[in-house]
Amino acid sequence: MKTLHCRDVGFDCEGVIKGTTDEEVLQQAAEHAFTVHGMTVTPELAEQVKTLIKEEA
């Protein structure tokens, strides 16, 4: 399972996105960023966020 904590991206947010692949996590993160934070994820930002995805047991 791969996870991304919204707080790690720099937001004061307890959101945690989980998925089986980096692409799945990135897609969900983009949806979360838009619906919760009102921001659109650019390809450049997606590459930066990808480095913050962690592998969880």
N, C-alpha and C. Protein backbone atom coordinates (compact mmCIF):
# COMPACT_ATOMS: atom_id res chain seq x y z
N MET A 1 0.85 -1.18 0.00
CA MET A 1 0.00 0.00 0.00
C MET A 1 0.89 1.24 0.00
N LYS A 2 0.56 2.17 -0.85
CA LYS A 2 1.30 3.43 -0.93
C LYS A 2 0.45 4.52 -0.30
N THR A 3 1.09 5.42 0.41
CA THR A 3 0.36 6.50 1.08
C THR A 3 1.03 7.84 0.84
N LEU A 4 0.21 8.87 0.90
CA LEU A 4 0.67 10.25 0.82
C LEU A 4 -0.09 11.04 1.87
N HIS A 5 0.65 11.69 2.75
CA HIS A 5 0.04 12.53 3.77
C HIS A 5 0.01 13.96 3.24
N CYS A 6 -1.16 14.55 3.23
CA CYS A 6 -1.33 15.90 2.71
C CYS A 6 -0.41 16.87 3.46
N ARG A 7 -0.24 16.65 4.74
CA ARG A 7 0.63 17.51 5.56
C ARG A 7 2.06 17.52 5.00
N ASP A 8 2.52 16.39 4.45
CA ASP A 8 3.88 16.31 3.90
C ASP A 8 4.05 17.20 2.68
N VAL A 9 2.95 17.52 2.02
CA VAL A 9 3.00 18.38 0.84
C VAL A 9 3.04 19.85 1.25
N GLY A 10 2.71 20.12 2.53
CA GLY A 10 2.79 21.49 3.03
C GLY A 10 1.48 22.09 3.48
N PHE A 11 0.42 21.30 3.43
CA PHE A 11 -0.88 21.80 3.87
C PHE A 11 -1.13 21.47 5.34
N ASP A 12 -1.89 22.31 6.01
CA ASP A 12 -2.32 22.03 7.38
C ASP A 12 -3.59 21.18 7.26
N CYS A 13 -3.39 19.91 6.94
CA CYS A 13 -4.49 19.01 6.59
C CYS A 13 -4.14 17.61 7.05
N GLU A 14 -5.11 16.92 7.62
CA GLU A 14 -4.88 15.56 8.12
C GLU A 14 -5.16 14.50 7.06
N GLY A 15 -5.41 14.91 5.82
CA GLY A 15 -5.74 13.97 4.75
C GLY A 15 -4.63 12.97 4.48
N VAL A 16 -5.03 11.73 4.27
CA VAL A 16 -4.10 10.67 3.90
C VAL A 16 -4.67 9.96 2.68
N ILE A 17 -3.90 9.93 1.61
CA ILE A 17 -4.34 9.30 0.37
C ILE A 17 -3.63 7.95 0.26
N LYS A 18 -4.40 6.92 -0.06
CA LYS A 18 -3.85 5.57 -0.16
C LYS A 18 -4.19 4.96 -1.52
N GLY A 19 -3.27 4.15 -2.01
CA GLY A 19 -3.50 3.46 -3.27
C GLY A 19 -2.48 2.36 -3.46
N THR A 20 -2.66 1.60 -4.52
CA THR A 20 -1.75 0.48 -4.78
C THR A 20 -0.58 0.88 -5.68
N THR A 21 -0.75 1.97 -6.44
CA THR A 21 0.33 2.44 -7.32
C THR A 21 0.54 3.94 -7.11
N ASP A 22 1.71 4.43 -7.53
CA ASP A 22 1.98 5.87 -7.45
C ASP A 22 0.94 6.64 -8.26
N GLU A 23 0.59 6.12 -9.43
CA GLU A 23 -0.35 6.81 -10.30
C GLU A 23 -1.73 6.94 -9.63
N GLU A 24 -2.15 5.87 -8.96
CA GLU A 24 -3.44 5.90 -8.26
C GLU A 24 -3.41 6.95 -7.15
N VAL A 25 -2.33 6.98 -6.39
CA VAL A 25 -2.19 7.96 -5.31
C VAL A 25 -2.18 9.38 -5.88
N LEU A 26 -1.44 9.59 -6.96
CA LEU A 26 -1.37 10.91 -7.58
C LEU A 26 -2.73 11.37 -8.10
N GLN A 27 -3.49 10.46 -8.68
CA GLN A 27 -4.81 10.83 -9.18
C GLN A 27 -5.73 11.25 -8.03
N GLN A 28 -5.71 10.46 -6.96
CA GLN A 28 -6.53 10.80 -5.79
C GLN A 28 -6.05 12.09 -5.13
N ALA A 29 -4.73 12.30 -5.11
CA ALA A 29 -4.17 13.51 -4.53
C ALA A 29 -4.61 14.74 -5.32
N ALA A 30 -4.63 14.62 -6.65
CA ALA A 30 -5.07 15.73 -7.50
C ALA A 30 -6.54 16.06 -7.23
N GLU A 31 -7.37 15.04 -7.07
CA GLU A 31 -8.78 15.26 -6.76
C GLU A 31 -8.93 15.91 -5.39
N HIS A 32 -8.16 15.43 -4.40
CA HIS A 32 -8.19 16.00 -3.05
C HIS A 32 -7.73 17.47 -3.09
N ALA A 33 -6.64 17.73 -3.78
CA ALA A 33 -6.12 19.10 -3.86
C ALA A 33 -7.15 20.05 -4.45
N PHE A 34 -7.88 19.59 -5.47
CA PHE A 34 -8.87 20.44 -6.11
C PHE A 34 -10.10 20.64 -5.24
N THR A 35 -10.65 19.54 -4.71
CA THR A 35 -11.91 19.65 -3.97
C THR A 35 -11.73 20.25 -2.58
N VAL A 36 -10.63 19.94 -1.90
CA VAL A 36 -10.44 20.41 -0.53
C VAL A 36 -9.66 21.73 -0.48
N HIS A 37 -8.64 21.86 -1.32
CA HIS A 37 -7.76 23.02 -1.25
C HIS A 37 -7.93 24.00 -2.41
N GLY A 38 -8.78 23.65 -3.38
CA GLY A 38 -9.06 24.55 -4.50
C GLY A 38 -7.88 24.79 -5.42
N MET A 39 -6.99 23.81 -5.50
CA MET A 39 -5.83 24.00 -6.37
C MET A 39 -5.74 22.90 -7.42
N THR A 40 -5.22 23.27 -8.57
CA THR A 40 -5.01 22.33 -9.66
C THR A 40 -3.56 21.87 -9.63
N VAL A 41 -3.35 20.57 -9.75
CA VAL A 41 -2.01 20.01 -9.72
C VAL A 41 -1.42 20.03 -11.13
N THR A 42 -0.31 20.70 -11.27
CA THR A 42 0.40 20.76 -12.55
C THR A 42 1.29 19.52 -12.68
N PRO A 43 1.72 19.20 -13.89
CA PRO A 43 2.64 18.06 -14.05
C PRO A 43 3.92 18.22 -13.22
N GLU A 44 4.41 19.45 -13.11
CA GLU A 44 5.63 19.70 -12.33
C GLU A 44 5.38 19.42 -10.84
N LEU A 45 4.24 19.87 -10.34
CA LEU A 45 3.90 19.63 -8.94
C LEU A 45 3.70 18.14 -8.70
N ALA A 46 3.07 17.45 -9.64
CA ALA A 46 2.85 16.01 -9.51
C ALA A 46 4.17 15.27 -9.37
N GLU A 47 5.20 15.70 -10.12
CA GLU A 47 6.52 15.06 -10.01
C GLU A 47 7.12 15.28 -8.63
N GLN A 48 6.94 16.46 -8.07
CA GLN A 48 7.44 16.75 -6.73
C GLN A 48 6.69 15.93 -5.68
N VAL A 49 5.37 15.86 -5.84
CA VAL A 49 4.53 15.12 -4.88
C VAL A 49 4.87 13.63 -4.95
N LYS A 50 5.17 13.14 -6.12
CA LYS A 50 5.49 11.72 -6.29
C LYS A 50 6.64 11.29 -5.38
N THR A 51 7.58 12.19 -5.12
CA THR A 51 8.72 11.86 -4.26
C THR A 51 8.30 11.73 -2.79
N LEU A 52 7.11 12.20 -2.45
CA LEU A 52 6.63 12.14 -1.06
C LEU A 52 5.78 10.91 -0.76
N ILE A 53 5.48 10.12 -1.79
CA ILE A 53 4.68 8.91 -1.60
C ILE A 53 5.54 7.88 -0.90
N LYS A 54 4.96 7.28 0.14
CA LYS A 54 5.69 6.29 0.94
C LYS A 54 5.06 4.92 0.80
N GLU A 55 5.89 3.90 0.90
CA GLU A 55 5.43 2.51 0.89
C GLU A 55 5.13 2.12 2.33
N GLU A 56 3.89 1.69 2.59
CA GLU A 56 3.50 1.27 3.93
C GLU A 56 3.23 -0.23 3.94
N ALA A 57 3.46 -0.84 5.07
CA ALA A 57 3.24 -2.29 5.19
C ALA A 57 1.76 -2.63 5.20
